[in-house]
Protein backbone atom coordinates (compact mmCIF):
# COMPACT_ATOMS: atom_id res chain seq x y z
CA MET A 1 262.83 112.44 151.76
CA ASN A 2 264.92 110.53 149.26
CA ILE A 3 263.52 112.00 146.03
CA ALA A 4 264.86 109.28 143.78
CA GLU A 5 263.26 106.60 145.96
CA LEU A 6 260.03 108.58 146.09
CA ARG A 7 259.79 108.62 142.29
CA SER A 8 260.62 104.93 142.05
CA GLU A 9 258.00 104.03 144.66
CA VAL A 10 255.33 106.06 142.89
CA ALA A 11 256.08 104.29 139.64
CA ARG A 12 255.95 100.89 141.34
CA GLU A 13 252.72 101.84 143.10
CA TRP A 14 250.91 102.76 139.92
CA ALA A 15 252.21 99.84 137.88
CA GLY A 16 251.62 97.13 140.47
CA GLN A 17 248.82 98.40 142.70
CA ALA A 18 246.86 101.45 141.68
CA LEU A 19 246.31 100.99 137.96
CA PRO A 20 245.19 97.31 138.04
CA ASP A 21 242.73 97.99 140.85
CA LEU A 22 241.40 101.23 139.40
CA THR A 23 240.76 99.43 136.15
CA GLU A 24 238.57 96.89 137.92
CA LEU A 25 236.80 99.60 139.92
CA ILE A 26 235.69 101.32 136.70
CA ARG A 27 233.77 98.15 135.70
CA ILE A 28 231.32 98.85 138.59
CA PRO A 29 228.56 101.19 137.26
CA ALA A 30 228.47 103.29 140.42
CA VAL A 31 226.12 105.97 139.11
CA SER A 32 225.39 108.78 141.54
CA PRO A 33 222.02 108.63 143.39
CA ALA A 34 220.57 111.65 141.58
CA TYR A 35 220.83 109.71 138.30
CA ASP A 36 219.98 106.25 139.69
CA PRO A 37 216.80 106.29 141.80
CA ALA A 38 217.23 102.55 142.42
CA TRP A 39 220.82 102.90 143.71
CA GLN A 40 220.07 101.06 146.94
CA ALA A 41 218.55 98.07 145.17
CA ASN A 42 221.25 98.04 142.50
CA GLY A 43 224.00 98.09 145.13
CA HIS A 44 226.70 99.53 142.87
CA LEU A 45 227.75 102.30 145.26
CA HIS A 46 228.28 99.77 148.02
CA ARG A 47 230.21 97.56 145.61
CA ALA A 48 232.53 100.46 144.74
CA VAL A 49 233.14 101.26 148.39
CA ASP A 50 233.77 97.62 149.27
CA HIS A 51 236.10 97.26 146.27
CA VAL A 52 238.41 100.03 147.48
CA ARG A 53 238.16 98.87 151.10
CA ARG A 54 239.19 95.30 150.24
CA TRP A 55 242.06 96.57 148.07
CA LEU A 56 243.40 98.74 150.85
CA GLU A 57 243.00 96.12 153.58
CA GLY A 58 244.98 93.75 151.39
CA ARG A 59 247.85 96.22 151.22
CA ASP A 60 249.01 95.52 154.79
CA LEU A 61 249.92 99.17 155.42
CA ALA A 62 250.74 99.81 159.06
CA GLY A 63 248.49 102.12 161.06
CA VAL A 64 245.60 102.07 158.54
CA ARG A 65 241.98 101.54 159.55
CA CYS A 66 239.07 101.41 157.08
CA THR A 67 235.40 101.76 157.96
CA VAL A 68 232.26 102.06 155.85
CA GLU A 69 229.75 104.49 157.30
CA GLN A 70 226.11 104.80 156.35
CA LEU A 71 223.58 107.12 157.97
CA ASP A 72 220.00 105.89 157.63
CA SER A 73 219.32 105.36 153.93
CA ARG A 74 221.93 107.81 152.72
CA PRO A 75 224.67 106.79 150.27
CA PRO A 76 227.66 105.25 152.08
CA ILE A 77 231.11 106.71 152.58
CA LEU A 78 234.51 105.09 153.02
CA VAL A 79 236.66 106.49 155.84
CA ILE A 80 240.36 105.62 155.94
CA GLU A 81 242.26 106.68 159.05
CA VAL A 82 246.06 106.62 159.00
CA SER A 83 248.28 107.06 162.04
CA PRO A 84 251.19 109.52 161.81
CA THR A 85 254.68 108.31 161.20
CA ASP A 86 256.94 107.97 164.25
CA GLY A 87 258.23 111.22 165.66
CA VAL A 88 255.61 113.50 164.18
CA GLY A 89 253.95 115.85 166.68
CA ASP A 90 250.38 117.06 166.68
CA GLN A 91 250.20 119.01 163.44
CA GLY A 92 246.49 118.45 163.06
CA THR A 93 244.69 116.16 160.65
CA VAL A 94 245.23 116.08 156.90
CA LEU A 95 241.89 115.44 155.22
CA LEU A 96 242.15 113.95 151.75
CA TYR A 97 238.93 113.97 149.74
CA GLY A 98 237.68 112.12 146.70
CA HIS A 99 234.48 110.45 145.50
CA LEU A 100 233.55 107.07 144.06
CA ASP A 101 230.17 107.90 142.48
CA ARG A 102 229.99 108.82 138.81
CA GLN A 103 227.86 110.40 136.16
CA PRO A 104 225.85 108.06 133.88
CA SER A 105 227.23 107.03 130.49
CA MET A 106 225.91 110.16 128.71
CA GLY A 107 225.64 109.10 125.08
CA ALA A 108 227.56 106.84 122.72
CA TRP A 109 231.23 106.18 123.31
CA SER A 110 233.80 105.56 120.60
CA ALA A 111 234.27 102.06 119.17
CA GLY A 112 236.10 99.83 121.60
CA ARG A 113 235.39 102.07 124.59
CA GLY A 114 232.56 102.15 127.04
CA PRO A 115 231.67 103.74 130.36
CA TRP A 116 232.00 100.49 132.31
CA GLU A 117 234.55 98.75 130.06
CA PRO A 118 237.92 100.40 130.91
CA TYR A 119 240.20 100.69 127.91
CA ARG A 120 243.90 101.41 127.94
CA GLU A 121 245.33 103.34 125.00
CA GLY A 122 248.92 104.40 125.51
CA ASP A 123 249.09 106.64 128.57
CA ARG A 124 245.33 107.03 128.76
CA LEU A 125 242.79 104.98 130.70
CA TYR A 126 239.27 105.44 129.31
CA GLY A 127 236.10 104.85 131.34
CA ARG A 128 233.46 106.67 133.34
CA GLY A 129 235.03 107.94 136.56
CA THR A 130 238.63 107.42 135.62
CA VAL A 131 239.45 111.11 136.08
CA ASP A 132 236.29 112.23 137.90
CA ASP A 133 237.37 111.10 140.28
CA SER A 134 237.89 107.44 141.24
CA TYR A 135 241.64 107.76 140.68
CA SER A 136 241.85 110.01 143.80
CA ALA A 137 241.74 107.07 146.19
CA TYR A 138 244.83 105.59 144.55
CA VAL A 139 246.71 108.90 144.51
CA ALA A 140 246.02 109.41 148.23
CA VAL A 141 247.07 105.91 149.28
CA GLY A 142 249.99 105.88 146.88
CA ALA A 143 251.30 109.15 148.27
CA LEU A 144 251.30 107.77 151.80
CA ALA A 145 253.07 104.59 150.69
CA ALA A 146 255.66 106.64 148.77
CA VAL A 147 256.36 108.98 151.71
CA ARG A 148 257.08 106.02 153.95
CA ALA A 149 259.25 104.24 151.36
CA ALA A 150 261.30 107.38 150.78
CA GLY A 151 261.96 108.02 154.46
CA GLY A 152 259.56 110.94 154.70
CA LEU A 153 257.01 111.92 157.33
CA HIS A 154 253.30 112.44 157.44
CA SER A 155 250.86 113.63 160.07
CA ARG A 156 247.65 111.90 160.95
CA VAL A 157 245.61 111.47 157.74
CA VAL A 158 241.97 110.80 157.07
CA ILE A 159 240.90 109.88 153.55
CA LEU A 160 237.18 110.44 152.95
CA LEU A 161 235.60 108.93 149.85
CA GLU A 162 231.97 109.79 149.38
CA THR A 163 229.42 108.33 146.94
CA ALA A 164 227.17 111.29 146.18
CA GLU A 165 229.40 114.12 144.97
CA GLU A 166 227.74 114.12 141.54
CA SER A 167 224.45 114.56 143.39
CA ALA A 168 225.65 117.81 145.04
CA SER A 169 227.04 116.13 148.21
CA VAL A 170 223.81 116.86 150.04
CA ASP A 171 224.57 114.23 152.71
CA LEU A 172 228.22 115.10 153.26
CA PRO A 173 227.62 117.69 156.01
CA ALA A 174 225.84 115.03 158.07
CA TYR A 175 228.75 112.64 157.64
CA VAL A 176 231.30 115.29 158.57
CA GLU A 177 229.30 115.99 161.71
CA LEU A 178 229.19 112.27 162.46
CA LEU A 179 233.01 112.15 162.06
CA ARG A 180 233.68 115.33 163.98
CA ASP A 181 235.69 113.67 166.77
CA ARG A 182 237.53 111.30 164.40
CA LEU A 183 238.51 114.19 162.10
CA GLY A 184 239.80 116.25 165.01
CA ASP A 185 241.59 119.49 164.25
CA VAL A 186 241.82 119.59 160.46
CA SER A 187 244.77 121.77 159.45
CA LEU A 188 245.08 120.78 155.77
CA VAL A 189 242.44 119.78 153.24
CA ILE A 190 243.53 118.17 149.96
CA CYS A 191 240.91 117.80 147.22
CA LEU A 192 241.80 115.76 144.11
CA ASP A 193 238.57 116.43 142.21
CA SER A 194 239.77 119.34 140.13
CA GLY A 195 242.28 120.12 137.33
CA GLY A 196 243.63 122.72 134.96
CA ASP A 197 244.56 123.60 131.40
CA ASP A 198 247.25 120.97 130.68
CA HIS A 199 249.34 118.14 132.13
CA GLU A 200 252.74 119.90 131.92
CA ARG A 201 252.45 121.50 135.38
CA LEU A 202 250.49 121.51 138.62
CA TRP A 203 247.28 123.50 138.59
CA LEU A 204 245.92 125.02 141.80
CA THR A 205 242.22 125.69 141.98
CA THR A 206 241.56 129.01 143.68
CA SER A 207 237.83 129.36 143.19
CA LEU A 208 234.79 127.38 142.12
CA ARG A 209 231.46 128.60 140.85
CA GLY A 210 228.23 127.72 142.60
CA LEU A 211 225.16 126.34 140.90
CA VAL A 212 221.38 126.62 140.80
CA GLN A 213 219.55 123.99 138.78
CA ALA A 214 215.80 124.12 138.37
CA THR A 215 213.02 122.89 136.13
CA VAL A 216 210.59 125.55 134.91
CA THR A 217 207.27 124.44 133.41
CA VAL A 218 204.80 126.67 131.55
CA ARG A 219 201.34 125.17 131.13
CA VAL A 220 198.66 126.73 128.88
CA LEU A 221 196.18 123.88 128.22
CA ASP A 222 194.84 120.84 130.01
CA THR A 223 195.25 118.85 126.78
CA PRO A 224 196.86 119.60 123.40
CA VAL A 225 194.69 121.28 120.77
CA HIS A 226 194.98 121.28 116.95
CA SER A 227 197.02 124.36 116.00
CA GLY A 228 194.63 125.14 113.12
CA LEU A 229 191.81 125.52 115.63
CA ALA A 230 193.71 127.19 118.49
CA GLY A 231 196.54 129.07 116.77
CA GLY A 232 196.23 132.80 117.51
CA ILE A 233 193.81 132.05 120.35
CA VAL A 234 195.91 130.01 122.78
CA PRO A 235 199.44 131.38 123.51
CA ASP A 236 202.27 128.98 122.82
CA SER A 237 203.96 127.76 126.01
CA PHE A 238 207.43 127.92 124.38
CA ARG A 239 206.94 131.58 123.45
CA ILE A 240 206.03 132.36 127.03
CA LEU A 241 209.13 130.58 128.23
CA ARG A 242 211.25 132.62 125.85
CA GLN A 243 209.83 135.83 127.37
CA LEU A 244 210.47 134.57 130.92
CA LEU A 245 214.06 133.61 130.12
CA ASP A 246 214.67 137.07 128.71
CA ARG A 247 214.12 138.37 132.25
CA VAL A 248 217.01 136.20 133.43
CA GLU A 249 219.43 136.33 130.50
CA ASP A 250 220.15 138.76 127.67
CA SER A 251 219.71 136.42 124.72
CA GLY A 252 221.97 138.60 122.59
CA THR A 253 225.01 138.62 124.88
CA GLY A 254 224.43 135.84 127.42
CA GLU A 255 224.70 138.38 130.26
CA ILE A 256 222.69 137.43 133.34
CA ARG A 257 220.39 140.31 134.22
CA LEU A 258 219.41 139.46 137.79
CA PRO A 259 221.70 141.33 140.23
CA GLU A 260 221.37 138.60 142.85
CA LEU A 261 223.13 136.19 140.50
CA ASN A 262 226.15 138.51 139.93
CA ALA A 263 229.10 139.42 142.18
CA THR A 264 232.07 141.82 142.30
CA ILE A 265 235.25 140.09 141.23
CA PRO A 266 238.01 140.47 143.88
CA ASP A 267 241.17 142.34 142.89
CA ASP A 268 243.44 139.37 143.56
CA ARG A 269 241.40 137.14 141.28
CA HIS A 270 241.48 139.83 138.59
CA ALA A 271 245.28 139.90 138.86
CA GLU A 272 245.47 136.10 138.80
CA VAL A 273 243.41 135.96 135.61
CA HIS A 274 245.47 138.63 133.85
CA SER A 275 248.67 136.79 134.80
CA LEU A 276 247.36 133.49 133.48
CA ALA A 277 246.05 135.00 130.24
CA SER A 278 249.44 136.64 129.54
CA LEU A 279 251.43 133.41 129.60
CA ALA A 280 253.17 132.84 126.31
CA ASP A 281 253.06 129.06 126.69
CA ARG A 282 249.45 128.82 127.78
CA ARG A 283 247.28 126.67 125.61
CA ARG A 284 243.71 127.84 125.58
CA PRO A 285 241.06 125.16 126.23
CA SER A 286 240.03 123.64 122.94
CA MET A 287 236.27 123.20 122.49
CA PRO A 288 234.68 121.01 119.79
CA LEU A 289 232.89 123.90 118.10
CA ALA A 290 230.67 122.78 115.21
CA GLY A 291 231.14 124.15 111.72
CA THR A 292 231.66 127.92 111.68
CA THR A 293 230.59 128.46 115.33
CA ARG A 294 232.66 131.07 117.20
CA ALA A 295 233.38 131.37 120.89
CA VAL A 296 231.46 134.00 122.87
CA THR A 297 234.66 136.07 122.95
CA ASP A 298 238.24 135.64 121.70
CA ASP A 299 239.69 137.76 124.51
CA ALA A 300 241.62 135.45 126.85
CA VAL A 301 240.92 137.50 129.99
CA GLU A 302 237.22 137.71 129.26
CA GLN A 303 237.03 133.98 128.51
CA ILE A 304 238.52 133.12 131.90
CA LEU A 305 236.38 135.58 133.78
CA ASN A 306 233.23 134.36 131.99
CA ASN A 307 234.06 130.81 132.96
CA THR A 308 235.08 131.43 136.58
CA TRP A 309 233.55 134.61 138.09
CA ARG A 310 230.48 135.41 135.98
CA PRO A 311 227.10 133.69 135.99
CA THR A 312 225.97 131.73 132.94
CA LEU A 313 222.73 130.02 131.94
CA THR A 314 222.56 126.72 130.09
CA ILE A 315 219.41 124.82 129.04
CA THR A 316 220.32 121.23 129.79
CA GLY A 317 217.03 119.43 129.13
CA ALA A 318 213.47 119.76 127.92
CA ALA A 319 210.10 118.01 128.23
CA GLY A 320 206.86 118.43 126.35
CA LEU A 321 208.68 118.73 123.04
CA PRO A 322 208.44 115.61 120.84
CA GLY A 323 211.22 114.77 118.46
CA THR A 324 211.04 116.41 115.04
CA GLY A 325 209.98 113.15 113.45
CA GLU A 326 207.05 112.74 115.86
CA ALA A 327 205.89 116.38 115.90
CA ILE A 328 202.31 117.02 114.79
CA PRO A 329 200.46 120.30 114.24
CA VAL A 330 199.08 120.88 117.72
CA ILE A 331 199.53 123.52 120.37
CA ARG A 332 201.12 121.52 123.14
CA ASN A 333 199.70 121.82 126.62
CA SER A 334 203.06 122.61 128.29
CA THR A 335 206.80 123.05 127.91
CA SER A 336 209.44 122.30 130.58
CA LEU A 337 213.09 123.34 130.50
CA ARG A 338 215.87 122.30 132.82
CA LEU A 339 217.95 125.36 133.72
CA SER A 340 221.53 125.20 134.91
CA VAL A 341 222.82 128.55 136.22
CA ARG A 342 226.50 128.71 137.15
CA LEU A 343 227.04 131.31 139.89
CA PRO A 344 230.09 133.40 140.89
CA PRO A 345 231.98 131.82 143.81
CA THR A 346 230.71 134.33 146.41
CA VAL A 347 227.02 134.32 145.45
CA ASP A 348 224.63 132.70 147.92
CA PRO A 349 222.73 130.06 145.89
CA GLU A 350 219.65 130.29 148.10
CA VAL A 351 219.36 134.03 147.41
CA ALA A 352 219.96 133.32 143.71
CA ALA A 353 217.28 130.61 143.62
CA ARG A 354 214.69 132.91 145.16
CA ALA A 355 215.48 135.66 142.67
CA LEU A 356 215.36 133.19 139.77
CA THR A 357 212.03 131.75 140.90
CA GLU A 358 210.49 135.19 141.33
CA ALA A 359 211.63 136.30 137.88
CA LEU A 360 210.02 133.25 136.29
CA THR A 361 206.74 133.17 138.18
CA VAL A 362 205.65 136.79 138.82
CA ASP A 363 203.51 138.71 136.30
CA VAL A 364 203.55 135.87 133.77
CA PRO A 365 202.37 136.68 130.22
CA TYR A 366 198.76 135.66 129.60
CA ASP A 367 198.58 134.54 133.28
CA ALA A 368 199.87 131.16 132.22
CA SER A 369 200.57 128.56 134.90
CA VAL A 370 204.27 128.43 135.82
CA GLU A 371 206.04 126.09 138.22
CA VAL A 372 209.69 126.01 139.30
CA THR A 373 210.61 122.63 140.69
CA ASP A 374 213.49 120.19 141.32
CA LEU A 375 215.90 122.77 142.69
CA MET A 376 219.52 121.74 143.22
CA LEU A 377 221.87 124.21 144.90
CA ILE A 378 225.66 124.18 145.16
CA ARG A 379 227.69 126.82 146.96
CA GLY A 380 230.79 128.29 145.32
CA TRP A 381 234.19 128.64 147.00
CA ASN A 382 237.00 131.16 147.09
CA ALA A 383 240.30 129.78 148.44
CA PRO A 384 242.05 131.28 151.49
CA THR A 385 245.52 132.82 151.26
CA GLN A 386 248.27 130.18 150.91
CA SER A 387 250.65 129.76 153.86
CA ALA A 388 254.43 129.96 153.51
CA TRP A 389 255.00 126.26 154.21
CA LEU A 390 252.53 125.17 151.58
CA THR A 391 254.05 127.52 149.04
CA ALA A 392 257.49 126.05 149.76
CA ALA A 393 256.16 122.50 149.48
CA LEU A 394 254.62 123.18 146.10
CA GLU A 395 257.81 124.86 144.88
CA SER A 396 259.74 121.70 145.89
CA ALA A 397 257.19 119.63 143.96
CA GLU A 398 257.63 121.87 140.91
CA ARG A 399 261.39 121.27 140.94
CA ASN A 400 261.31 117.56 141.59
CA VAL A 401 258.17 116.44 139.78
CA PHE A 402 257.64 118.93 136.95
CA ASP A 403 261.29 119.72 136.24
CA GLY A 404 260.93 123.31 137.39
CA VAL A 405 257.80 124.21 135.41
CA PRO A 406 255.95 126.55 137.80
CA SER A 407 252.46 125.75 138.98
CA ARG A 408 249.58 128.02 137.98
CA ALA A 409 246.47 129.16 139.84
CA ILE A 410 243.10 129.23 138.14
CA GLY A 411 239.44 129.36 139.05
CA LEU A 412 237.18 126.64 137.67
CA GLY A 413 233.68 126.96 136.23
CA GLY A 414 232.36 123.87 138.01
CA GLY A 415 231.56 123.22 141.64
CA ILE A 416 232.84 120.96 144.43
CA PRO A 417 230.38 121.38 147.38
CA PHE A 418 232.79 119.74 149.81
CA LEU A 419 235.29 122.58 149.67
CA GLU A 420 232.92 125.40 150.62
CA MET A 421 231.40 123.37 153.43
CA LEU A 422 234.79 122.49 154.95
CA GLY A 423 236.03 126.04 154.43
CA ARG A 424 233.29 127.26 156.77
CA ARG A 425 233.89 124.45 159.27
CA TYR A 426 237.69 124.76 159.37
CA PRO A 427 238.45 128.43 158.64
CA GLN A 428 242.09 128.14 159.81
CA ALA A 429 242.90 125.16 157.58
CA GLN A 430 245.01 125.32 154.43
CA PHE A 431 243.40 124.06 151.21
CA LEU A 432 245.02 122.41 148.25
CA ALA A 433 242.55 121.76 145.42
CA THR A 434 244.03 120.16 142.32
CA GLY A 435 243.50 117.17 140.06
CA ALA A 436 244.06 115.45 136.74
CA VAL A 437 241.15 116.94 134.75
CA ARG A 438 241.98 119.09 131.74
CA PRO A 439 239.51 120.58 129.23
CA ASP A 440 239.64 117.57 126.86
CA SER A 441 239.33 114.91 129.57
CA ASN A 442 235.65 114.50 128.57
CA VAL A 443 234.38 114.74 132.14
CA HIS A 444 230.61 113.96 132.23
CA ALA A 445 230.82 113.13 128.51
CA PRO A 446 231.58 110.06 126.37
CA ASP A 447 235.22 108.90 126.22
CA GLU A 448 236.26 110.19 129.65
CA TRP A 449 239.95 109.51 130.21
CA LEU A 450 242.72 109.73 132.78
CA SER A 451 246.38 110.56 132.05
CA ILE A 452 248.26 107.85 133.85
CA PRO A 453 251.60 109.75 133.88
CA PHE A 454 249.87 112.79 135.38
CA ALA A 455 248.22 110.62 138.02
CA ARG A 456 251.71 109.46 138.99
CA ASP A 457 252.92 113.07 139.07
CA LEU A 458 250.04 114.07 141.36
CA THR A 459 250.90 111.18 143.67
CA ALA A 460 254.43 112.52 144.02
CA VAL A 461 253.14 116.07 144.58
CA ILE A 462 250.85 114.95 147.40
CA ALA A 463 253.78 113.06 148.96
CA HIS A 464 255.82 116.29 148.99
CA VAL A 465 252.95 118.20 150.61
CA LEU A 466 252.34 115.51 153.28
CA ASP A 467 256.02 115.47 154.23
CA SER A 468 256.20 119.27 154.42
CA HIS A 469 253.03 119.49 156.48
CA ALA A 470 254.42 117.01 159.02
CA ARG A 471 257.53 119.18 159.43
CA THR A 472 255.78 122.49 160.06
CA SER A 473 256.13 123.99 163.52
């Protein structure tokens, strides 16, 4: 490829095509189905899919076919099929993945910014879904356009944009099965829903934690009773919950006590973590700790392992607890907590969920009534060994896109269900998981933002990888 022309085309693509259309896409409140029970009636997910489809069909790119697929009453997906450039043999299909659904607004945004009112400030584009991960559609299409403009090659490509990733992608396996023949022999999977520590280099995601979410409810009364009458007679539901949670987590250290929720860390991942932690120029993720709050540990290696290969418990919600201003002296009839347990990449979430449920419901203090409901499971993922051609392609991207700054590999504490599912389906495929997220991108939080220059860099990286893939023998 002509590298100078590639860079020029990527810049033109983002200035004239990608950024204006992405900005308009963010105005559509395409909240994921798990957080919008009326998603079908509201129609925002369909609007988001149609928005990208119309944009792409207006591009007049040769050999591109767009279809919207919807199974029964499941959230729709957008499938973009792209024919290979002339002269490219059967190298298998490149599957590029992203999603168009988003988290809800999640609290108050800063003045002048809003989840559905995109705001440009310098090199940042603010809005819900800017970096997680509506930009991915524009990186994927932009990379294809840049490859062609620079005289490069690409194999057959399928871009799959789903609308329920933030709802654990529960319908994606059915869609992949529906598309089995159209996907063909997938030899490379590129996921743009990830990220790393900074925007100075390319970050390669090598593992993802799994997840078990559940709501646990302890009920001790049919109706609340005055605490002066019942205190010391009726056990408090919150105290019982504290005892049950102590079976799962050591409250002093945060260590998860259930063996089914832990895993042995592979030697290569240990080595990867030590290499990353030893980098002199590595900037540790900055967290907005309040007041004098300290991190769980200051050891860089332990921080990374805690966040990538060890289970953690977070209480993400509660019910049955009135606000402090509305609290009255009664023993409440019940307390519910929403538990979010991040799992090591190799732990089976179904096994973990059974162990968690048993720990919370067997031999309950005072024989109180306990229910575990609303389970959501996500499988983790451990990346396969990188092939020589992909390593060479990424090294070329490092030289030409990041001025020689080497890429780094890192596991992430979150989950992307798509990767584990396709890893099982296409065990011989190569996987490239990367993205524009960094620790302060405010993913799932107010003031989410995308680095526009880094989105351009990712577009150029994907162009390098597509061209190298087409030339493998």
